Amino acid sequence: RPLNTYPQKELAKLISYVPQAEGANFPF
């Protein structure tokens, strides 16, 4: 199915993205 037809929430059930940890200073 074309990637651009997936709603964001549906896509997030299929694909997760792990960025580089550098600068990952989240307030949690």
PDB file of all heavy atoms in Angstrom:
ATOM      1  N   ARG A   1       0.852  -1.198   0.000  1.00  0.00           N
ATOM      2  CA  ARG A   1       0.000   0.000   0.000  1.00  0.00           C
ATOM      3  C   ARG A   1       0.883   1.242   0.000  1.00  0.00           C
ATOM      4  O   ARG A   1       1.896   1.283   0.703  1.00  0.00           O
ATOM      5  CB  ARG A   1      -0.886  -0.038   1.245  1.00  0.00           C
ATOM      6  CG  ARG A   1      -1.759   1.176   1.478  1.00  0.00           C
ATOM      7  CD  ARG A   1      -2.608   0.938   2.712  1.00  0.00           C
ATOM      8  NE  ARG A   1      -3.116   2.172   3.268  1.00  0.00           N
ATOM      9  CZ  ARG A   1      -3.750   2.261   4.436  1.00  0.00           C
ATOM     10  NH1 ARG A   1      -3.942   1.170   5.171  1.00  0.00           N
ATOM     11  NH2 ARG A   1      -4.186   3.423   4.882  1.00  0.00           N
ATOM     12  N   PRO A   2       0.518   2.286  -0.790  1.00  0.00           N
ATOM     13  CA  PRO A   2       1.345   3.498  -0.806  1.00  0.00           C
ATOM     14  C   PRO A   2       1.547   4.064   0.595  1.00  0.00           C
ATOM     15  O   PRO A   2       0.587   4.222   1.357  1.00  0.00           O
ATOM     16  CB  PRO A   2       0.545   4.459  -1.694  1.00  0.00           C
ATOM     17  CG  PRO A   2      -0.250   3.565  -2.589  1.00  0.00           C
ATOM     18  CD  PRO A   2      -0.605   2.368  -1.739  1.00  0.00           C
ATOM     19  N   LEU A   3       2.791   4.373   0.924  1.00  0.00           N
ATOM     20  CA  LEU A   3       3.118   4.863   2.263  1.00  0.00           C
ATOM     21  C   LEU A   3       2.319   6.107   2.616  1.00  0.00           C
ATOM     22  O   LEU A   3       1.865   6.272   3.754  1.00  0.00           O
ATOM     23  CB  LEU A   3       4.625   5.162   2.336  1.00  0.00           C
ATOM     24  CG  LEU A   3       5.181   5.649   3.673  1.00  0.00           C
ATOM     25  CD1 LEU A   3       5.118   4.545   4.716  1.00  0.00           C
ATOM     26  CD2 LEU A   3       6.614   6.143   3.508  1.00  0.00           C
ATOM     27  N   ASN A   4       2.132   7.002   1.639  1.00  0.00           N
ATOM     28  CA  ASN A   4       1.471   8.270   1.933  1.00  0.00           C
ATOM     29  C   ASN A   4      -0.034   8.154   2.131  1.00  0.00           C
ATOM     30  O   ASN A   4      -0.705   9.154   2.382  1.00  0.00           O
ATOM     31  CB  ASN A   4       1.780   9.310   0.848  1.00  0.00           C
ATOM     32  CG  ASN A   4       1.377   8.859  -0.542  1.00  0.00           C
ATOM     33  OD1 ASN A   4       0.645   7.882  -0.706  1.00  0.00           O
ATOM     34  ND2 ASN A   4       1.850   9.575  -1.562  1.00  0.00           N
ATOM     35  N   THR A   5      -0.589   6.940   2.032  1.00  0.00           N
ATOM     36  CA  THR A   5      -2.019   6.760   2.297  1.00  0.00           C
ATOM     37  C   THR A   5      -2.287   6.310   3.732  1.00  0.00           C
ATOM     38  O   THR A   5      -3.443   6.200   4.137  1.00  0.00           O
ATOM     39  CB  THR A   5      -2.641   5.721   1.331  1.00  0.00           C
ATOM     40  OG1 THR A   5      -2.090   4.420   1.597  1.00  0.00           O
ATOM     41  CG2 THR A   5      -2.391   6.115  -0.117  1.00  0.00           C
ATOM     42  N   TYR A   6      -1.232   6.052   4.494  1.00  0.00           N
ATOM     43  CA  TYR A   6      -1.419   5.612   5.883  1.00  0.00           C
ATOM     44  C   TYR A   6      -1.648   6.818   6.800  1.00  0.00           C
ATOM     45  O   TYR A   6      -0.828   7.750   6.811  1.00  0.00           O
ATOM     46  CB  TYR A   6      -0.186   4.874   6.393  1.00  0.00           C
ATOM     47  CG  TYR A   6      -0.053   3.449   5.926  1.00  0.00           C
ATOM     48  CD1 TYR A   6       0.574   3.139   4.717  1.00  0.00           C
ATOM     49  CD2 TYR A   6      -0.535   2.389   6.698  1.00  0.00           C
ATOM     50  CE1 TYR A   6       0.707   1.822   4.291  1.00  0.00           C
ATOM     51  CE2 TYR A   6      -0.401   1.069   6.284  1.00  0.00           C
ATOM     52  CZ  TYR A   6       0.220   0.806   5.079  1.00  0.00           C
ATOM     53  OH  TYR A   6       0.351  -0.500   4.665  1.00  0.00           O
ATOM     54  N   PRO A   7      -2.709   6.830   7.594  1.00  0.00           N
ATOM     55  CA  PRO A   7      -2.814   7.826   8.662  1.00  0.00           C
ATOM     56  C   PRO A   7      -1.652   7.639   9.637  1.00  0.00           C
ATOM     57  O   PRO A   7      -1.152   6.523   9.819  1.00  0.00           O
ATOM     58  CB  PRO A   7      -4.153   7.497   9.332  1.00  0.00           C
ATOM     59  CG  PRO A   7      -4.910   6.690   8.332  1.00  0.00           C
ATOM     60  CD  PRO A   7      -3.875   5.932   7.546  1.00  0.00           C
ATOM     61  N   GLN A   8      -1.240   8.724  10.287  1.00  0.00           N
ATOM     62  CA  GLN A   8      -0.048   8.674  11.126  1.00  0.00           C
ATOM     63  C   GLN A   8      -0.156   7.632  12.229  1.00  0.00           C
ATOM     64  O   GLN A   8       0.804   6.908  12.515  1.00  0.00           O
ATOM     65  CB  GLN A   8       0.220  10.053  11.739  1.00  0.00           C
ATOM     66  CG  GLN A   8       1.542  10.161  12.493  1.00  0.00           C
ATOM     67  CD  GLN A   8       2.750   9.823  11.618  1.00  0.00           C
ATOM     68  OE1 GLN A   8       2.806  10.227  10.455  1.00  0.00           O
ATOM     69  NE2 GLN A   8       3.702   9.090  12.160  1.00  0.00           N
ATOM     70  N   LYS A   9      -1.314   7.518  12.843  1.00  0.00           N
ATOM     71  CA  LYS A   9      -1.460   6.574  13.950  1.00  0.00           C
ATOM     72  C   LYS A   9      -1.376   5.136  13.454  1.00  0.00           C
ATOM     73  O   LYS A   9      -0.776   4.275  14.105  1.00  0.00           O
ATOM     74  CB  LYS A   9      -2.784   6.814  14.664  1.00  0.00           C
ATOM     75  CG  LYS A   9      -2.866   6.135  16.027  1.00  0.00           C
ATOM     76  CD  LYS A   9      -4.052   6.645  16.819  1.00  0.00           C
ATOM     77  CE  LYS A   9      -4.043   6.052  18.218  1.00  0.00           C
ATOM     78  NZ  LYS A   9      -5.163   6.574  19.042  1.00  0.00           N
ATOM     79  N   GLU A  10      -1.941   4.861  12.283  1.00  0.00           N
ATOM     80  CA  GLU A  10      -1.865   3.518  11.714  1.00  0.00           C
ATOM     81  C   GLU A  10      -0.428   3.180  11.335  1.00  0.00           C
ATOM     82  O   GLU A  10       0.041   2.060  11.560  1.00  0.00           O
ATOM     83  CB  GLU A  10      -2.775   3.421  10.490  1.00  0.00           C
ATOM     84  CG  GLU A  10      -2.870   2.028   9.904  1.00  0.00           C
ATOM     85  CD  GLU A  10      -3.783   1.947   8.698  1.00  0.00           C
ATOM     86  OE1 GLU A  10      -4.460   2.949   8.379  1.00  0.00           O
ATOM     87  OE2 GLU A  10      -3.804   0.880   8.049  1.00  0.00           O
ATOM     88  N   LEU A  11       0.282   4.167  10.785  1.00  0.00           N
ATOM     89  CA  LEU A  11       1.679   3.966  10.411  1.00  0.00           C
ATOM     90  C   LEU A  11       2.539   3.690  11.642  1.00  0.00           C
ATOM     91  O   LEU A  11       3.455   2.861  11.602  1.00  0.00           O
ATOM     92  CB  LEU A  11       2.206   5.187   9.660  1.00  0.00           C
ATOM     93  CG  LEU A  11       3.601   5.078   9.064  1.00  0.00           C
ATOM     94  CD1 LEU A  11       3.664   3.992   7.993  1.00  0.00           C
ATOM     95  CD2 LEU A  11       4.043   6.419   8.473  1.00  0.00           C
ATOM     96  N   ALA A  12       2.218   4.371  12.736  1.00  0.00           N
ATOM     97  CA  ALA A  12       2.992   4.204  13.969  1.00  0.00           C
ATOM     98  C   ALA A  12       2.796   2.833  14.607  1.00  0.00           C
ATOM     99  O   ALA A  12       3.555   2.458  15.501  1.00  0.00           O
ATOM    100  CB  ALA A  12       2.631   5.303  14.965  1.00  0.00           C
ATOM    101  N   LYS A  13       1.797   2.094  14.167  1.00  0.00           N
ATOM    102  CA  LYS A  13       1.640   0.713  14.628  1.00  0.00           C
ATOM    103  C   LYS A  13       2.498  -0.254  13.822  1.00  0.00           C
ATOM    104  O   LYS A  13       2.667  -1.408  14.205  1.00  0.00           O
ATOM    105  CB  LYS A  13       0.173   0.288  14.534  1.00  0.00           C
ATOM    106  CG  LYS A  13      -0.739   0.990  15.524  1.00  0.00           C
ATOM    107  CD  LYS A  13      -2.176   0.516  15.361  1.00  0.00           C
ATOM    108  CE  LYS A  13      -3.098   1.211  16.357  1.00  0.00           C
ATOM    109  NZ  LYS A  13      -4.506   0.774  16.205  1.00  0.00           N
ATOM    110  N   LEU A  14       3.032   0.243  12.696  1.00  0.00           N
ATOM    111  CA  LEU A  14       3.826  -0.604  11.807  1.00  0.00           C
ATOM    112  C   LEU A  14       5.305  -0.272  11.841  1.00  0.00           C
ATOM    113  O   LEU A  14       6.144  -1.166  11.715  1.00  0.00           O
ATOM    114  CB  LEU A  14       3.312  -0.470  10.364  1.00  0.00           C
ATOM    115  CG  LEU A  14       1.894  -0.972  10.099  1.00  0.00           C
ATOM    116  CD1 LEU A  14       1.464  -0.593   8.692  1.00  0.00           C
ATOM    117  CD2 LEU A  14       1.822  -2.479  10.284  1.00  0.00           C
ATOM    118  N   ILE A  15       5.646   1.021  11.975  1.00  0.00           N
ATOM    119  CA  ILE A  15       7.044   1.455  11.887  1.00  0.00           C
ATOM    120  C   ILE A  15       7.415   2.281  13.112  1.00  0.00           C
ATOM    121  O   ILE A  15       6.701   3.223  13.479  1.00  0.00           O
ATOM    122  CB  ILE A  15       7.291   2.310  10.621  1.00  0.00           C
ATOM    123  CG1 ILE A  15       7.080   1.481   9.359  1.00  0.00           C
ATOM    124  CG2 ILE A  15       8.698   2.891  10.628  1.00  0.00           C
ATOM    125  CD1 ILE A  15       7.282   2.280   8.071  1.00  0.00           C
ATOM    126  N   SER A  16       8.542   1.945  13.741  1.00  0.00           N
ATOM    127  CA  SER A  16       9.130   2.797  14.775  1.00  0.00           C
ATOM    128  C   SER A  16      10.496   3.272  14.296  1.00  0.00           C
ATOM    129  O   SER A  16      11.193   2.569  13.566  1.00  0.00           O
ATOM    130  CB  SER A  16       9.247   2.052  16.108  1.00  0.00           C
ATOM    131  OG  SER A  16       9.934   0.832  15.948  1.00  0.00           O
ATOM    132  N   TYR A  17      10.869   4.466  14.727  1.00  0.00           N
ATOM    133  CA  TYR A  17      12.112   5.107  14.288  1.00  0.00           C
ATOM    134  C   TYR A  17      12.962   5.436  15.499  1.00  0.00           C
ATOM    135  O   TYR A  17      12.494   6.067  16.452  1.00  0.00           O
ATOM    136  CB  TYR A  17      11.779   6.376  13.503  1.00  0.00           C
ATOM    137  CG  TYR A  17      12.987   7.233  13.183  1.00  0.00           C
ATOM    138  CD1 TYR A  17      13.950   6.796  12.280  1.00  0.00           C
ATOM    139  CD2 TYR A  17      13.138   8.481  13.772  1.00  0.00           C
ATOM    140  CE1 TYR A  17      15.052   7.587  11.988  1.00  0.00           C
ATOM    141  CE2 TYR A  17      14.235   9.277  13.479  1.00  0.00           C
ATOM    142  CZ  TYR A  17      15.195   8.824  12.586  1.00  0.00           C
ATOM    143  OH  TYR A  17      16.287   9.600  12.300  1.00  0.00           O
ATOM    144  N   VAL A  18      14.212   4.988  15.474  1.00  0.00           N
ATOM    145  CA  VAL A  18      15.149   5.224  16.581  1.00  0.00           C
ATOM    146  C   VAL A  18      16.236   6.176  16.095  1.00  0.00           C
ATOM    147  O   VAL A  18      17.113   5.778  15.321  1.00  0.00           O
ATOM    148  CB  VAL A  18      15.780   3.906  17.075  1.00  0.00           C
ATOM    149  CG1 VAL A  18      16.729   4.177  18.240  1.00  0.00           C
ATOM    150  CG2 VAL A  18      14.707   2.904  17.482  1.00  0.00           C
ATOM    151  N   PRO A  19      16.203   7.439  16.520  1.00  0.00           N
ATOM    152  CA  PRO A  19      17.244   8.384  16.108  1.00  0.00           C
ATOM    153  C   PRO A  19      18.531   8.154  16.886  1.00  0.00           C
ATOM    154  O   PRO A  19      18.588   7.304  17.787  1.00  0.00           O
ATOM    155  CB  PRO A  19      16.624   9.737  16.450  1.00  0.00           C
ATOM    156  CG  PRO A  19      15.769   9.437  17.646  1.00  0.00           C
ATOM    157  CD  PRO A  19      15.229   8.048  17.428  1.00  0.00           C
ATOM    158  N   GLN A  20      19.557   8.921  16.567  1.00  0.00           N
ATOM    159  CA  GLN A  20      20.780   8.876  17.362  1.00  0.00           C
ATOM    160  C   GLN A  20      20.493   9.441  18.750  1.00  0.00           C
ATOM    161  O   GLN A  20      19.703  10.370  18.912  1.00  0.00           O
ATOM    162  CB  GLN A  20      21.879   9.694  16.684  1.00  0.00           C
ATOM    163  CG  GLN A  20      22.340   9.127  15.361  1.00  0.00           C
ATOM    164  CD  GLN A  20      23.471   9.936  14.751  1.00  0.00           C
ATOM    165  OE1 GLN A  20      24.339  10.433  15.449  1.00  0.00           O
ATOM    166  NE2 GLN A  20      23.452  10.077  13.433  1.00  0.00           N
ATOM    167  N   ALA A  21      21.139   8.872  19.760  1.00  0.00           N
ATOM    168  CA  ALA A  21      20.886   9.293  21.142  1.00  0.00           C
ATOM    169  C   ALA A  21      21.460  10.662  21.440  1.00  0.00           C
ATOM    170  O   ALA A  21      21.024  11.325  22.378  1.00  0.00           O
ATOM    171  CB  ALA A  21      21.469   8.267  22.108  1.00  0.00           C
ATOM    172  N   GLU A  22      22.438  11.100  20.658  1.00  0.00           N
ATOM    173  CA  GLU A  22      23.078  12.391  20.902  1.00  0.00           C
ATOM    174  C   GLU A  22      22.037  13.508  20.910  1.00  0.00           C
ATOM    175  O   GLU A  22      21.274  13.679  19.965  1.00  0.00           O
ATOM    176  CB  GLU A  22      24.127  12.669  19.827  1.00  0.00           C
ATOM    177  CG  GLU A  22      24.998  13.886  20.085  1.00  0.00           C
ATOM    178  CD  GLU A  22      26.037  13.662  21.169  1.00  0.00           C
ATOM    179  OE1 GLU A  22      26.108  12.546  21.704  1.00  0.00           O
ATOM    180  OE2 GLU A  22      26.778  14.606  21.461  1.00  0.00           O
ATOM    181  N   GLY A  23      21.961  14.257  22.010  1.00  0.00           N
ATOM    182  CA  GLY A  23      21.016  15.366  22.102  1.00  0.00           C
ATOM    183  C   GLY A  23      19.624  14.962  22.540  1.00  0.00           C
ATOM    184  O   GLY A  23      18.720  15.793  22.582  1.00  0.00           O
ATOM    185  N   ALA A  24      19.420  13.662  22.877  1.00  0.00           N
ATOM    186  CA  ALA A  24      18.088  13.197  23.282  1.00  0.00           C
ATOM    187  C   ALA A  24      17.835  13.514  24.751  1.00  0.00           C
ATOM    188  O   ALA A  24      17.714  12.627  25.593  1.00  0.00           O
ATOM    189  CB  ALA A  24      17.963  11.695  23.022  1.00  0.00           C
ATOM    190  N   ASN A  25      17.744  14.801  25.093  1.00  0.00           N
ATOM    191  CA  ASN A  25      17.566  15.233  26.478  1.00  0.00           C
ATOM    192  C   ASN A  25      16.104  15.618  26.720  1.00  0.00           C
ATOM    193  O   ASN A  25      15.771  16.785  26.911  1.00  0.00           O
ATOM    194  CB  ASN A  25      18.501  16.403  26.803  1.00  0.00           C
ATOM    195  CG  ASN A  25      19.952  15.988  26.781  1.00  0.00           C
ATOM    196  OD1 ASN A  25      20.299  14.907  27.245  1.00  0.00           O
ATOM    197  ND2 ASN A  25      20.813  16.830  26.229  1.00  0.00           N
ATOM    198  N   PHE A  26      15.230  14.633  26.686  1.00  0.00           N
ATOM    199  CA  PHE A  26      13.808  14.885  26.850  1.00  0.00           C
ATOM    200  C   PHE A  26      13.476  15.095  28.331  1.00  0.00           C
ATOM    201  O   PHE A  26      14.078  14.480  29.203  1.00  0.00           O
ATOM    202  CB  PHE A  26      13.010  13.700  26.302  1.00  0.00           C
ATOM    203  CG  PHE A  26      13.326  13.373  24.867  1.00  0.00           C
ATOM    204  CD1 PHE A  26      14.144  12.300  24.550  1.00  0.00           C
ATOM    205  CD2 PHE A  26      12.821  14.153  23.849  1.00  0.00           C
ATOM    206  CE1 PHE A  26      14.438  11.993  23.232  1.00  0.00           C
ATOM    207  CE2 PHE A  26      13.112  13.861  22.524  1.00  0.00           C
ATOM    208  CZ  PHE A  26      13.922  12.783  22.213  1.00  0.00           C
ATOM    209  N   PRO A  27      12.491  15.967  28.627  1.00  0.00           N
ATOM    210  CA  PRO A  27      12.171  16.287  30.034  1.00  0.00           C
ATOM    211  C   PRO A  27      11.251  15.257  30.681  1.00  0.00           C
ATOM    212  O   PRO A  27      10.221  15.588  31.259  1.00  0.00           O
ATOM    213  CB  PRO A  27      11.483  17.651  29.913  1.00  0.00           C
ATOM    214  CG  PRO A  27      10.786  17.586  28.595  1.00  0.00           C
ATOM    215  CD  PRO A  27      11.696  16.783  27.692  1.00  0.00           C
ATOM    216  N   PHE A  28      11.632  13.977  30.565  1.00  0.00           N
ATOM    217  CA  PHE A  28      10.824  12.894  31.118  1.00  0.00           C
ATOM    218  C   PHE A  28      11.736  11.914  31.849  1.00  0.00           C
ATOM    219  O   PHE A  28      12.932  11.837  31.581  1.00  0.00           O
ATOM    220  CB  PHE A  28      10.083  12.123  30.014  1.00  0.00           C
ATOM    221  CG  PHE A  28       9.216  12.963  29.129  1.00  0.00           C
ATOM    222  CD1 PHE A  28       9.620  13.287  27.851  1.00  0.00           C
ATOM    223  CD2 PHE A  28       7.990  13.433  29.584  1.00  0.00           C
ATOM    224  CE1 PHE A  28       8.817  14.060  27.026  1.00  0.00           C
ATOM    225  CE2 PHE A  28       7.183  14.202  28.768  1.00  0.00           C
ATOM    226  CZ  PHE A  28       7.597  14.516  27.485  1.00  0.00           C
TER     227      PHE A  28
END
